[in-house]
Amino acid sequence: MIKTASRKRRAALILVLFCLGIFGVGTRLVIETMRKRSIEHQIGSLQTEADRLEAKRREILEMSERVTSQSFLEREARLRLGLQRPGEKTVIVEKVPTTREEGEEARRANNFFKWWLYFFGSKE
């Protein structure tokens, strides 16, 4: 009788330890799976950020090449600094005030005004 009670206790203890082991392994498996998903999400975010930064780097390099080109420097020297090449002459074009008739023609050429005339007729 003592041997059977002892065997039952031993079997119950082994069963409890086995269940605790399976529970521990299962819990650890779930934790590692969640950690893996978190890391994969971080990798995706970092890859997106790296792609964005790479595109920005390419854009900056292209801009740097444009800014250092001879034609860009020449254009900026002409526009911003008012410089010119030897032998070139600067011409200043002044705006001439328009007469009332020219202003009226410009107004009639306006697309909105054309539609107004089309739907509502001439004001004259």
PDB file of N, CA and C in Angstrom:
ATOM      1  N   MET A   1       0.808  -1.176   0.000  1.00  0.00           N
ATOM      2  CA  MET A   1       0.000   0.000   0.000  1.00  0.00           C
ATOM      3  C   MET A   1       0.865   1.259   0.000  1.00  0.00           C
ATOM      4  N   ILE A   2       1.900   1.243   0.731  1.00  0.00           N
ATOM      5  CA  ILE A   2       2.784   2.400   0.814  1.00  0.00           C
ATOM      6  C   ILE A   2       3.487   2.594  -0.532  1.00  0.00           C
ATOM      7  N   LYS A   3       3.848   1.477  -1.163  1.00  0.00           N
ATOM      8  CA  LYS A   3       4.529   1.588  -2.450  1.00  0.00           C
ATOM      9  C   LYS A   3       3.592   2.159  -3.518  1.00  0.00           C
ATOM     10  N   THR A   4       2.336   1.790  -3.514  1.00  0.00           N
ATOM     11  CA  THR A   4       1.417   2.301  -4.534  1.00  0.00           C
ATOM     12  C   THR A   4       1.111   3.775  -4.301  1.00  0.00           C
ATOM     13  N   ALA A   5       0.983   4.205  -3.037  1.00  0.00           N
ATOM     14  CA  ALA A   5       0.753   5.620  -2.737  1.00  0.00           C
ATOM     15  C   ALA A   5       1.973   6.430  -3.126  1.00  0.00           C
ATOM     16  N   SER A   6       3.139   5.894  -2.885  1.00  0.00           N
ATOM     17  CA  SER A   6       4.382   6.564  -3.235  1.00  0.00           C
ATOM     18  C   SER A   6       4.519   6.665  -4.753  1.00  0.00           C
ATOM     19  N   ARG A   7       4.130   5.607  -5.447  1.00  0.00           N
ATOM     20  CA  ARG A   7       4.191   5.622  -6.912  1.00  0.00           C
ATOM     21  C   ARG A   7       3.188   6.633  -7.484  1.00  0.00           C
ATOM     22  N   LYS A   8       2.017   6.708  -6.874  1.00  0.00           N
ATOM     23  CA  LYS A   8       1.015   7.661  -7.350  1.00  0.00           C
ATOM     24  C   LYS A   8       1.504   9.091  -7.138  1.00  0.00           C
ATOM     25  N   ARG A   9       2.113   9.341  -5.990  1.00  0.00           N
ATOM     26  CA  ARG A   9       2.635  10.683  -5.728  1.00  0.00           C
ATOM     27  C   ARG A   9       3.766  11.019  -6.696  1.00  0.00           C
ATOM     28  N   ARG A  10       4.623  10.044  -6.914  1.00  0.00           N
ATOM     29  CA  ARG A  10       5.742  10.250  -7.823  1.00  0.00           C
ATOM     30  C   ARG A  10       5.208  10.512  -9.239  1.00  0.00           C
ATOM     31  N   ALA A  11       4.221   9.750  -9.653  1.00  0.00           N
ATOM     32  CA  ALA A  11       3.643   9.922 -10.991  1.00  0.00           C
ATOM     33  C   ALA A  11       2.950  11.289 -11.090  1.00  0.00           C
ATOM     34  N   ALA A  12       2.233  11.681 -10.020  1.00  0.00           N
ATOM     35  CA  ALA A  12       1.566  12.977 -10.023  1.00  0.00           C
ATOM     36  C   ALA A  12       2.599  14.104 -10.065  1.00  0.00           C
ATOM     37  N   LEU A  13       3.696  13.947  -9.306  1.00  0.00           N
ATOM     38  CA  LEU A  13       4.754  14.952  -9.306  1.00  0.00           C
ATOM     39  C   LEU A  13       5.403  15.060 -10.679  1.00  0.00           C
ATOM     40  N   ILE A  14       5.666  13.931 -11.292  1.00  0.00           N
ATOM     41  CA  ILE A  14       6.254  13.928 -12.643  1.00  0.00           C
ATOM     42  C   ILE A  14       5.292  14.582 -13.634  1.00  0.00           C
ATOM     43  N   LEU A  15       4.007  14.253 -13.511  1.00  0.00           N
ATOM     44  CA  LEU A  15       3.003  14.851 -14.401  1.00  0.00           C
ATOM     45  C   LEU A  15       2.935  16.366 -14.212  1.00  0.00           C
ATOM     46  N   VAL A  16       2.959  16.841 -12.966  1.00  0.00           N
ATOM     47  CA  VAL A  16       2.920  18.277 -12.685  1.00  0.00           C
ATOM     48  C   VAL A  16       4.169  18.950 -13.240  1.00  0.00           C
ATOM     49  N   LEU A  17       5.341  18.340 -13.011  1.00  0.00           N
ATOM     50  CA  LEU A  17       6.590  18.903 -13.529  1.00  0.00           C
ATOM     51  C   LEU A  17       6.587  18.935 -15.068  1.00  0.00           C
ATOM     52  N   PHE A  18       6.051  17.892 -15.670  1.00  0.00           N
ATOM     53  CA  PHE A  18       5.955  17.819 -17.124  1.00  0.00           C
ATOM     54  C   PHE A  18       5.046  18.933 -17.655  1.00  0.00           C
ATOM     55  N   CYS A  19       3.904  19.133 -16.998  1.00  0.00           N
ATOM     56  CA  CYS A  19       2.964  20.191 -17.414  1.00  0.00           C
ATOM     57  C   CYS A  19       3.595  21.572 -17.238  1.00  0.00           C
ATOM     58  N   LEU A  20       4.297  21.764 -16.112  1.00  0.00           N
ATOM     59  CA  LEU A  20       4.980  23.038 -15.902  1.00  0.00           C
ATOM     60  C   LEU A  20       6.055  23.267 -16.956  1.00  0.00           C
ATOM     61  N   GLY A  21       6.756  22.218 -17.321  1.00  0.00           N
ATOM     62  CA  GLY A  21       7.779  22.325 -18.371  1.00  0.00           C
ATOM     63  C   GLY A  21       7.169  22.709 -19.706  1.00  0.00           C
ATOM     64  N   ILE A  22       6.073  22.061 -20.064  1.00  0.00           N
ATOM     65  CA  ILE A  22       5.406  22.377 -21.328  1.00  0.00           C
ATOM     66  C   ILE A  22       4.863  23.807 -21.289  1.00  0.00           C
ATOM     67  N   PHE A  23       4.286  24.203 -20.147  1.00  0.00           N
ATOM     68  CA  PHE A  23       3.792  25.562 -20.016  1.00  0.00           C
ATOM     69  C   PHE A  23       4.930  26.567 -20.152  1.00  0.00           C
ATOM     70  N   GLY A  24       6.056  26.296 -19.531  1.00  0.00           N
ATOM     71  CA  GLY A  24       7.227  27.187 -19.610  1.00  0.00           C
ATOM     72  C   GLY A  24       7.746  27.298 -21.037  1.00  0.00           C
ATOM     73  N   VAL A  25       7.848  26.145 -21.711  1.00  0.00           N
ATOM     74  CA  VAL A  25       8.320  26.157 -23.098  1.00  0.00           C
ATOM     75  C   VAL A  25       7.329  26.904 -23.983  1.00  0.00           C
ATOM     76  N   GLY A  26       6.042  26.668 -23.783  1.00  0.00           N
ATOM     77  CA  GLY A  26       5.018  27.355 -24.579  1.00  0.00           C
ATOM     78  C   GLY A  26       5.046  28.853 -24.365  1.00  0.00           C
ATOM     79  N   THR A  27       5.190  29.247 -23.092  1.00  0.00           N
ATOM     80  CA  THR A  27       5.261  30.673 -22.772  1.00  0.00           C
ATOM     81  C   THR A  27       6.480  31.305 -23.432  1.00  0.00           C
ATOM     82  N   ARG A  28       7.601  30.620 -23.345  1.00  0.00           N
ATOM     83  CA  ARG A  28       8.842  31.137 -23.944  1.00  0.00           C
ATOM     84  C   ARG A  28       8.705  31.232 -25.465  1.00  0.00           C
ATOM     85  N   LEU A  29       8.025  30.260 -26.056  1.00  0.00           N
ATOM     86  CA  LEU A  29       7.805  30.253 -27.499  1.00  0.00           C
ATOM     87  C   LEU A  29       6.951  31.453 -27.928  1.00  0.00           C
ATOM     88  N   VAL A  30       5.907  31.739 -27.158  1.00  0.00           N
ATOM     89  CA  VAL A  30       5.053  32.893 -27.463  1.00  0.00           C
ATOM     90  C   VAL A  30       5.839  34.197 -27.317  1.00  0.00           C
ATOM     91  N   ILE A  31       6.627  34.305 -26.267  1.00  0.00           N
ATOM     92  CA  ILE A  31       7.424  35.516 -26.043  1.00  0.00           C
ATOM     93  C   ILE A  31       8.409  35.722 -27.184  1.00  0.00           C
ATOM     94  N   GLU A  32       9.080  34.673 -27.609  1.00  0.00           N
ATOM     95  CA  GLU A  32      10.054  34.786 -28.698  1.00  0.00           C
ATOM     96  C   GLU A  32       9.370  35.117 -30.023  1.00  0.00           C
ATOM     97  N   THR A  33       8.174  34.583 -30.245  1.00  0.00           N
ATOM     98  CA  THR A  33       7.436  34.897 -31.474  1.00  0.00           C
ATOM     99  C   THR A  33       7.052  36.367 -31.500  1.00  0.00           C
ATOM    100  N   MET A  34       6.591  36.887 -30.366  1.00  0.00           N
ATOM    101  CA  MET A  34       6.243  38.305 -30.298  1.00  0.00           C
ATOM    102  C   MET A  34       7.482  39.180 -30.483  1.00  0.00           C
ATOM    103  N   ARG A  35       8.582  38.759 -29.906  1.00  0.00           N
ATOM    104  CA  ARG A  35       9.839  39.503 -30.054  1.00  0.00           C
ATOM    105  C   ARG A  35      10.291  39.508 -31.506  1.00  0.00           C
ATOM    106  N   LYS A  36      10.140  38.371 -32.178  1.00  0.00           N
ATOM    107  CA  LYS A  36      10.527  38.264 -33.583  1.00  0.00           C
ATOM    108  C   LYS A  36       9.675  39.213 -34.443  1.00  0.00           C
ATOM    109  N   ARG A  37       8.374  39.243 -34.196  1.00  0.00           N
ATOM    110  CA  ARG A  37       7.500  40.150 -34.949  1.00  0.00           C
ATOM    111  C   ARG A  37       7.883  41.608 -34.703  1.00  0.00           C
ATOM    112  N   SER A  38       8.202  41.943 -33.469  1.00  0.00           N
ATOM    113  CA  SER A  38       8.601  43.304 -33.142  1.00  0.00           C
ATOM    114  C   SER A  38       9.887  43.674 -33.888  1.00  0.00           C
ATOM    115  N   ILE A  39      10.838  42.765 -33.910  1.00  0.00           N
ATOM    116  CA  ILE A  39      12.101  43.015 -34.597  1.00  0.00           C
ATOM    117  C   ILE A  39      11.874  43.148 -36.104  1.00  0.00           C
ATOM    118  N   GLU A  40      11.005  42.313 -36.673  1.00  0.00           N
ATOM    119  CA  GLU A  40      10.709  42.405 -38.105  1.00  0.00           C
ATOM    120  C   GLU A  40      10.048  43.743 -38.431  1.00  0.00           C
ATOM    121  N   HIS A  41       9.181  44.201 -37.538  1.00  0.00           N
ATOM    122  CA  HIS A  41       8.541  45.503 -37.736  1.00  0.00           C
ATOM    123  C   HIS A  41       9.586  46.619 -37.693  1.00  0.00           C
ATOM    124  N   GLN A  42      10.507  46.535 -36.747  1.00  0.00           N
ATOM    125  CA  GLN A  42      11.567  47.534 -36.654  1.00  0.00           C
ATOM    126  C   GLN A  42      12.455  47.508 -37.893  1.00  0.00           C
ATOM    127  N   ILE A  43      12.751  46.313 -38.389  1.00  0.00           N
ATOM    128  CA  ILE A  43      13.573  46.187 -39.594  1.00  0.00           C
ATOM    129  C   ILE A  43      12.869  46.845 -40.780  1.00  0.00           C
ATOM    130  N   GLY A  44      11.564  46.609 -40.902  1.00  0.00           N
ATOM    131  CA  GLY A  44      10.800  47.243 -41.983  1.00  0.00           C
ATOM    132  C   GLY A  44      10.821  48.754 -41.883  1.00  0.00           C
ATOM    133  N   SER A  45      10.638  49.270 -40.677  1.00  0.00           N
ATOM    134  CA  SER A  45      10.653  50.720 -40.472  1.00  0.00           C
ATOM    135  C   SER A  45      12.031  51.301 -40.798  1.00  0.00           C
ATOM    136  N   LEU A  46      13.061  50.628 -40.354  1.00  0.00           N
ATOM    137  CA  LEU A  46      14.418  51.106 -40.622  1.00  0.00           C
ATOM    138  C   LEU A  46      14.759  51.018 -42.105  1.00  0.00           C
ATOM    139  N   GLN A  47      14.263  49.980 -42.778  1.00  0.00           N
ATOM    140  CA  GLN A  47      14.509  49.857 -44.219  1.00  0.00           C
ATOM    141  C   GLN A  47      13.820  50.985 -44.980  1.00  0.00           C
ATOM    142  N   THR A  48      12.592  51.307 -44.574  1.00  0.00           N
ATOM    143  CA  THR A  48      11.874  52.423 -45.188  1.00  0.00           C
ATOM    144  C   THR A  48      12.620  53.731 -44.965  1.00  0.00           C
ATOM    145  N   GLU A  49      13.091  53.933 -43.762  1.00  0.00           N
ATOM    146  CA  GLU A  49      13.855  55.135 -43.438  1.00  0.00           C
ATOM    147  C   GLU A  49      15.149  55.189 -44.244  1.00  0.00           C
ATOM    148  N   ALA A  50      15.823  54.043 -44.384  1.00  0.00           N
ATOM    149  CA  ALA A  50      17.061  53.988 -45.165  1.00  0.00           C
ATOM    150  C   ALA A  50      16.784  54.318 -46.629  1.00  0.00           C
ATOM    151  N   ASP A  51      15.700  53.817 -47.186  1.00  0.00           N
ATOM    152  CA  ASP A  51      15.340  54.116 -48.570  1.00  0.00           C
ATOM    153  C   ASP A  51      15.053  55.607 -48.741  1.00  0.00           C
ATOM    154  N   ARG A  52      14.341  56.185 -47.772  1.00  0.00           N
ATOM    155  CA  ARG A  52      14.030  57.617 -47.830  1.00  0.00           C
ATOM    156  C   ARG A  52      15.304  58.449 -47.765  1.00  0.00           C
ATOM    157  N   LEU A  53      16.211  58.068 -46.871  1.00  0.00           N
ATOM    158  CA  LEU A  53      17.464  58.799 -46.745  1.00  0.00           C
ATOM    159  C   LEU A  53      18.342  58.637 -47.986  1.00  0.00           C
ATOM    160  N   GLU A  54      18.313  57.462 -48.593  1.00  0.00           N
ATOM    161  CA  GLU A  54      19.080  57.235 -49.820  1.00  0.00           C
ATOM    162  C   GLU A  54      18.550  58.111 -50.950  1.00  0.00           C
ATOM    163  N   ALA A  55      17.240  58.217 -51.069  1.00  0.00           N
ATOM    164  CA  ALA A  55      16.643  59.085 -52.088  1.00  0.00           C
ATOM    165  C   ALA A  55      17.014  60.541 -51.821  1.00  0.00           C
ATOM    166  N   LYS A  56      16.990  60.944 -50.567  1.00  0.00           N
ATOM    167  CA  LYS A  56      17.369  62.311 -50.199  1.00  0.00           C
ATOM    168  C   LYS A  56      18.835  62.566 -50.534  1.00  0.00           C
ATOM    169  N   ARG A  57      19.686  61.564 -50.297  1.00  0.00           N
ATOM    170  CA  ARG A  57      21.112  61.695 -50.608  1.00  0.00           C
ATOM    171  C   ARG A  57      21.318  61.874 -52.106  1.00  0.00           C
ATOM    172  N   ARG A  58      20.606  61.057 -52.908  1.00  0.00           N
ATOM    173  CA  ARG A  58      20.713  61.186 -54.363  1.00  0.00           C
ATOM    174  C   ARG A  58      20.253  62.557 -54.833  1.00  0.00           C
ATOM    175  N   GLU A  59      19.159  63.042 -54.232  1.00  0.00           N
ATOM    176  CA  GLU A  59      18.649  64.359 -54.589  1.00  0.00           C
ATOM    177  C   GLU A  59      19.666  65.447 -54.270  1.00  0.00           C
ATOM    178  N   ILE A  60      20.314  65.339 -53.118  1.00  0.00           N
ATOM    179  CA  ILE A  60      21.321  66.322 -52.723  1.00  0.00           C
ATOM    180  C   ILE A  60      22.522  66.256 -53.659  1.00  0.00           C
ATOM    181  N   LEU A  61      22.936  65.057 -54.043  1.00  0.00           N
ATOM    182  CA  LEU A  61      24.053  64.927 -54.982  1.00  0.00           C
ATOM    183  C   LEU A  61      23.722  65.548 -56.333  1.00  0.00           C
ATOM    184  N   GLU A  62      22.510  65.309 -56.826  1.00  0.00           N
ATOM    185  CA  GLU A  62      22.103  65.914 -58.095  1.00  0.00           C
ATOM    186  C   GLU A  62      22.089  67.432 -57.997  1.00  0.00           C
ATOM    187  N   MET A  63      21.571  67.948 -56.875  1.00  0.00           N
ATOM    188  CA  MET A  63      21.534  69.391 -56.686  1.00  0.00           C
ATOM    189  C   MET A  63      22.950  69.948 -56.611  1.00  0.00           C
ATOM    190  N   SER A  64      23.830  69.225 -55.947  1.00  0.00           N
ATOM    191  CA  SER A  64      25.220  69.653 -55.840  1.00  0.00           C
ATOM    192  C   SER A  64      25.874  69.704 -57.215  1.00  0.00           C
ATOM    193  N   GLU A  65      25.590  68.715 -58.055  1.00  0.00           N
ATOM    194  CA  GLU A  65      26.147  68.720 -59.403  1.00  0.00           C
ATOM    195  C   GLU A  65      25.600  69.890 -60.218  1.00  0.00           C
ATOM    196  N   ARG A  66      24.301  70.186 -60.067  1.00  0.00           N
ATOM    197  CA  ARG A  66      23.723  71.318 -60.796  1.00  0.00           C
ATOM    198  C   ARG A  66      24.320  72.636 -60.330  1.00  0.00           C
ATOM    199  N   VAL A  67      24.466  72.779 -59.011  1.00  0.00           N
ATOM    200  CA  VAL A  67      24.949  74.040 -58.463  1.00  0.00           C
ATOM    201  C   VAL A  67      26.403  74.282 -58.840  1.00  0.00           C
ATOM    202  N   THR A  68      27.172  73.237 -58.947  1.00  0.00           N
ATOM    203  CA  THR A  68      28.587  73.414 -59.277  1.00  0.00           C
ATOM    204  C   THR A  68      28.840  73.452 -60.779  1.00  0.00           C
ATOM    205  N   SER A  69      27.804  73.300 -61.588  1.00  0.00           N
ATOM    206  CA  SER A  69      28.003  73.348 -63.038  1.00  0.00           C
ATOM    207  C   SER A  69      28.300  74.781 -63.476  1.00  0.00           C
ATOM    208  N   GLN A  70      29.027  74.892 -64.567  1.00  0.00           N
ATOM    209  CA  GLN A  70      29.435  76.197 -65.072  1.00  0.00           C
ATOM    210  C   GLN A  70      28.233  77.041 -65.496  1.00  0.00           C
ATOM    211  N   SER A  71      27.256  76.418 -66.135  1.00  0.00           N
ATOM    212  CA  SER A  71      26.095  77.187 -66.607  1.00  0.00           C
ATOM    213  C   SER A  71      25.300  77.760 -65.436  1.00  0.00           C
ATOM    214  N   PHE A  72      25.168  76.997 -64.352  1.00  0.00           N
ATOM    215  CA  PHE A  72      24.441  77.496 -63.190  1.00  0.00           C
ATOM    216  C   PHE A  72      25.181  78.669 -62.563  1.00  0.00           C
ATOM    217  N   LEU A  73      26.490  78.527 -62.414  1.00  0.00           N
ATOM    218  CA  LEU A  73      27.271  79.608 -61.811  1.00  0.00           C
ATOM    219  C   LEU A  73      27.197  80.874 -62.665  1.00  0.00           C
ATOM    220  N   GLU A  74      27.254  80.711 -63.985  1.00  0.00           N
ATOM    221  CA  GLU A  74      27.175  81.856 -64.879  1.00  0.00           C
ATOM    222  C   GLU A  74      25.802  82.539 -64.784  1.00  0.00           C
ATOM    223  N   ARG A  75      24.745  81.741 -64.764  1.00  0.00           N
ATOM    224  CA  ARG A  75      23.398  82.292 -64.665  1.00  0.00           C
ATOM    225  C   ARG A  75      23.203  83.037 -63.345  1.00  0.00           C
ATOM    226  N   GLU A  76      23.668  82.456 -62.252  1.00  0.00           N
ATOM    227  CA  GLU A  76      23.540  83.115 -60.956  1.00  0.00           C
ATOM    228  C   GLU A  76      24.365  84.397 -60.898  1.00  0.00           C
ATOM    229  N   ALA A  77      25.548  84.391 -61.510  1.00  0.00           N
ATOM    230  CA  ALA A  77      26.373  85.595 -61.539  1.00  0.00           C
ATOM    231  C   ALA A  77      25.670  86.700 -62.315  1.00  0.00           C
ATOM    232  N   ARG A  78      24.990  86.331 -63.383  1.00  0.00           N
ATOM    233  CA  ARG A  78      24.271  87.337 -64.173  1.00  0.00           C
ATOM    234  C   ARG A  78      23.055  87.867 -63.417  1.00  0.00           C
ATOM    235  N   LEU A  79      22.244  86.960 -62.857  1.00  0.00           N
ATOM    236  CA  LEU A  79      20.994  87.372 -62.236  1.00  0.00           C
ATOM    237  C   LEU A  79      21.193  88.039 -60.880  1.00  0.00           C
ATOM    238  N   ARG A  80      21.975  87.439 -60.034  1.00  0.00           N
ATOM    239  CA  ARG A  80      22.082  87.935 -58.661  1.00  0.00           C
ATOM    240  C   ARG A  80      23.154  89.005 -58.477  1.00  0.00           C
ATOM    241  N   LEU A  81      24.250  88.857 -59.208  1.00  0.00           N
ATOM    242  CA  LEU A  81      25.352  89.779 -59.004  1.00  0.00           C
ATOM    243  C   LEU A  81      25.431  90.850 -60.087  1.00  0.00           C
ATOM    244  N   GLY A  82      24.671  90.674 -61.166  1.00  0.00           N
ATOM    245  CA  GLY A  82      24.677  91.660 -62.238  1.00  0.00           C
ATOM    246  C   GLY A  82      25.953  91.645 -63.058  1.00  0.00           C
ATOM    247  N   LEU A  83      26.664  90.543 -63.053  1.00  0.00           N
ATOM    248  CA  LEU A  83      27.904  90.450 -63.812  1.00  0.00           C
ATOM    249  C   LEU A  83      27.608  90.118 -65.262  1.00  0.00           C
ATOM    250  N   GLN A  84      28.600  90.401 -66.113  1.00  0.00           N
ATOM    251  CA  GLN A  84      28.466  90.081 -67.527  1.00  0.00           C
ATOM    252  C   GLN A  84      29.826  89.707 -68.078  1.00  0.00           C
ATOM    253  N   ARG A  85      29.829  89.045 -69.206  1.00  0.00           N
ATOM    254  CA  ARG A  85      31.084  88.661 -69.843  1.00  0.00           C
ATOM    255  C   ARG A  85      31.680  89.876 -70.541  1.00  0.00           C
ATOM    256  N   PRO A  86      32.978  89.845 -70.746  1.00  0.00           N
ATOM    257  CA  PRO A  86      33.599  90.962 -71.483  1.00  0.00           C
ATOM    258  C   PRO A  86      33.014  91.047 -72.893  1.00  0.00           C
ATOM    259  N   GLY A  87      32.679  92.253 -73.301  1.00  0.00           N
ATOM    260  CA  GLY A  87      32.136  92.471 -74.631  1.00  0.00           C
ATOM    261  C   GLY A  87      30.618  92.443 -74.669  1.00  0.00           C
ATOM    262  N   GLU A  88      29.957  91.979 -73.624  1.00  0.00           N
ATOM    263  CA  GLU A  88      28.494  91.957 -73.599  1.00  0.00           C
ATOM    264  C   GLU A  88      27.978  93.316 -73.136  1.00  0.00           C
ATOM    265  N   LYS A  89      26.790  93.654 -73.593  1.00  0.00           N
ATOM    266  CA  LYS A  89      26.169  94.904 -73.185  1.00  0.00           C
ATOM    267  C   LYS A  89      24.867  94.591 -72.457  1.00  0.00           C
ATOM    268  N   THR A  90      24.593  95.339 -71.415  1.00  0.00           N
ATOM    269  CA  THR A  90      23.374  95.145 -70.652  1.00  0.00           C
ATOM    270  C   THR A  90      22.279  96.019 -71.239  1.00  0.00           C
ATOM    271  N   VAL A  91      21.116  95.427 -71.438  1.00  0.00           N
ATOM    272  CA  VAL A  91      19.976  96.160 -71.966  1.00  0.00           C
ATOM    273  C   VAL A  91      18.878  96.127 -70.917  1.00  0.00           C
ATOM    274  N   ILE A  92      18.338  97.291 -70.582  1.00  0.00           N
ATOM    275  CA  ILE A  92      17.253  97.371 -69.610  1.00  0.00           C
ATOM    276  C   ILE A  92      15.981  97.689 -70.375  1.00  0.00           C
ATOM    277  N   VAL A  93      14.982  96.867 -70.225  1.00  0.00           N
ATOM    278  CA  VAL A  93      13.708  97.056 -70.900  1.00  0.00           C
ATOM    279  C   VAL A  93      12.726  97.617 -69.882  1.00  0.00           C
ATOM    280  N   GLU A  94      12.213  98.803 -70.184  1.00  0.00           N
ATOM    281  CA  GLU A  94      11.259  99.425 -69.279  1.00  0.00           C
ATOM    282  C   GLU A  94       9.848  99.101 -69.731  1.00  0.00           C
ATOM    283  N   LYS A  95       8.978  98.963 -68.804  1.00  0.00           N
ATOM    284  CA  LYS A  95       7.585  98.683 -69.108  1.00  0.00           C
ATOM    285  C   LYS A  95       6.894  99.989 -69.461  1.00  0.00           C
ATOM    286  N   VAL A  96       6.237  99.967 -70.600  1.00  0.00           N
ATOM    287  CA  VAL A  96       5.531 101.159 -71.064  1.00  0.00           C
ATOM    288  C   VAL A  96       4.093 101.071 -70.584  1.00  0.00           C
ATOM    289  N   PRO A  97       3.568 102.141 -69.991  1.00  0.00           N
ATOM    290  CA  PRO A  97       2.182 102.087 -69.528  1.00  0.00           C
ATOM    291  C   PRO A  97       1.227 101.888 -70.709  1.00  0.00           C
ATOM    292  N   THR A  98       0.230 101.097 -70.500  1.00  0.00           N
ATOM    293  CA  THR A  98      -0.725 100.815 -71.557  1.00  0.00           C
ATOM    294  C   THR A  98      -1.849 101.834 -71.531  1.00  0.00           C
ATOM    295  N   THR A  99      -2.447 102.019 -72.675  1.00  0.00           N
ATOM    296  CA  THR A  99      -3.574 102.928 -72.744  1.00  0.00           C
ATOM    297  C   THR A  99      -4.832 102.188 -72.335  1.00  0.00           C
ATOM    298  N   ARG A 100      -5.911 102.921 -72.225  1.00  0.00           N
ATOM    299  CA  ARG A 100      -7.169 102.307 -71.794  1.00  0.00           C
ATOM    300  C   ARG A 100      -7.674 101.311 -72.832  1.00  0.00           C
ATOM    301  N   GLU A 101      -7.467 101.604 -74.101  1.00  0.00           N
ATOM    302  CA  GLU A 101      -7.923 100.702 -75.150  1.00  0.00           C
ATOM    303  C   GLU A 101      -7.182  99.370 -75.092  1.00  0.00           C
ATOM    304  N   GLU A 102      -5.899  99.421 -74.842  1.00  0.00           N
ATOM    305  CA  GLU A 102      -5.117  98.182 -74.735  1.00  0.00           C
ATOM    306  C   GLU A 102      -5.571  97.373 -73.527  1.00  0.00           C
ATOM    307  N   GLY A 103      -5.886  98.056 -72.430  1.00  0.00           N
ATOM    308  CA  GLY A 103      -6.385  97.370 -71.244  1.00  0.00           C
ATOM    309  C   GLY A 103      -7.722  96.704 -71.513  1.00  0.00           C
ATOM    310  N   GLU A 104      -8.559  97.381 -72.310  1.00  0.00           N
ATOM    311  CA  GLU A 104      -9.859  96.819 -72.666  1.00  0.00           C
ATOM    312  C   GLU A 104      -9.693  95.579 -73.536  1.00  0.00           C
ATOM    313  N   GLU A 105      -8.746  95.603 -74.460  1.00  0.00           N
ATOM    314  CA  GLU A 105      -8.485  94.441 -75.305  1.00  0.00           C
ATOM    315  C   GLU A 105      -7.969  93.274 -74.462  1.00  0.00           C
ATOM    316  N   ALA A 106      -7.118  93.574 -73.509  1.00  0.00           N
ATOM    317  CA  ALA A 106      -6.580  92.528 -72.642  1.00  0.00           C
ATOM    318  C   ALA A 106      -7.698  91.905 -71.816  1.00  0.00           C
ATOM    319  N   ARG A 107      -8.644  92.741 -71.373  1.00  0.00           N
ATOM    320  CA  ARG A 107      -9.747  92.224 -70.576  1.00  0.00           C
ATOM    321  C   ARG A 107     -10.647  91.327 -71.424  1.00  0.00           C
ATOM    322  N   ARG A 108     -10.855  91.706 -72.659  1.00  0.00           N
ATOM    323  CA  ARG A 108     -11.682  90.883 -73.534  1.00  0.00           C
ATOM    324  C   ARG A 108     -10.997  89.571 -73.880  1.00  0.00           C
ATOM    325  N   ALA A 109      -9.691  89.583 -73.896  1.00  0.00           N
ATOM    326  CA  ALA A 109      -8.949  88.366 -74.196  1.00  0.00           C
ATOM    327  C   ALA A 109      -8.969  87.400 -73.007  1.00  0.00           C
ATOM    328  N   ASN A 110      -9.335  87.895 -71.858  1.00  0.00           N
ATOM    329  CA  ASN A 110      -9.383  87.074 -70.653  1.00  0.00           C
ATOM    330  C   ASN A 110     -10.416  85.951 -70.842  1.00  0.00           C
ATOM    331  N   ASN A 111     -10.061  84.748 -70.498  1.00  0.00           N
ATOM    332  CA  ASN A 111     -10.917  83.586 -70.702  1.00  0.00           C
ATOM    333  C   ASN A 111     -12.237  83.702 -69.935  1.00  0.00           C
ATOM    334  N   PHE A 112     -12.161  84.193 -68.715  1.00  0.00           N
ATOM    335  CA  PHE A 112     -13.373  84.351 -67.928  1.00  0.00           C
ATOM    336  C   PHE A 112     -14.337  85.311 -68.625  1.00  0.00           C
ATOM    337  N   PHE A 113     -13.801  86.391 -69.129  1.00  0.00           N
ATOM    338  CA  PHE A 113     -14.638  87.371 -69.803  1.00  0.00           C
ATOM    339  C   PHE A 113     -15.272  86.782 -71.065  1.00  0.00           C
ATOM    340  N   LYS A 114     -14.506  85.950 -71.781  1.00  0.00           N
ATOM    341  CA  LYS A 114     -15.052  85.291 -72.967  1.00  0.00           C
ATOM    342  C   LYS A 114     -16.235  84.404 -72.590  1.00  0.00           C
ATOM    343  N   TRP A 115     -16.104  83.668 -71.517  1.00  0.00           N
ATOM    344  CA  TRP A 115     -17.213  82.821 -71.077  1.00  0.00           C
ATOM    345  C   TRP A 115     -18.397  83.677 -70.634  1.00  0.00           C
ATOM    346  N   TRP A 116     -18.149  84.783 -69.973  1.00  0.00           N
ATOM    347  CA  TRP A 116     -19.204  85.684 -69.539  1.00  0.00           C
ATOM    348  C   TRP A 116     -20.011  86.160 -70.752  1.00  0.00           C
ATOM    349  N   LEU A 117     -19.264  86.554 -71.767  1.00  0.00           N
ATOM    350  CA  LEU A 117     -19.930  87.006 -72.985  1.00  0.00           C
ATOM    351  C   LEU A 117     -20.710  85.868 -73.639  1.00  0.00           C
ATOM    352  N   TYR A 118     -20.171  84.687 -73.585  1.00  0.00           N
ATOM    353  CA  TYR A 118     -20.834  83.551 -74.202  1.00  0.00           C
ATOM    354  C   TYR A 118     -22.173  83.258 -73.519  1.00  0.00           C
ATOM    355  N   PHE A 119     -22.217  83.301 -72.206  1.00  0.00           N
ATOM    356  CA  PHE A 119     -23.430  82.972 -71.484  1.00  0.00           C
ATOM    357  C   PHE A 119     -24.387  84.155 -71.319  1.00  0.00           C
ATOM    358  N   PHE A 120     -23.849  85.342 -71.086  1.00  0.00           N
ATOM    359  CA  PHE A 120     -24.713  86.473 -70.742  1.00  0.00           C
ATOM    360  C   PHE A 120     -24.739  87.576 -71.791  1.00  0.00           C
ATOM    361  N   GLY A 121     -23.970  87.438 -72.819  1.00  0.00           N
ATOM    362  CA  GLY A 121     -23.972  88.447 -73.878  1.00  0.00           C
ATOM    363  C   GLY A 121     -23.071  89.621 -73.559  1.00  0.00           C
ATOM    364  N   SER A 122     -22.999  90.533 -74.461  1.00  0.00           N
ATOM    365  CA  SER A 122     -22.126  91.703 -74.339  1.00  0.00           C
ATOM    366  C   SER A 122     -22.731  92.697 -73.363  1.00  0.00           C
ATOM    367  N   LYS A 123     -21.842  93.386 -72.630  1.00  0.00           N
ATOM    368  CA  LYS A 123     -22.306  94.431 -71.710  1.00  0.00           C
ATOM    369  C   LYS A 123     -22.630  95.704 -72.473  1.00  0.00           C
ATOM    370  N   GLU A 124     -22.135  95.852 -73.651  1.00  0.00           N
ATOM    371  CA  GLU A 124     -22.303  97.077 -74.425  1.00  0.00           C
ATOM    372  C   GLU A 124     -23.636  97.140 -75.101  1.00  0.00           C
TER     373      GLU A 124
END
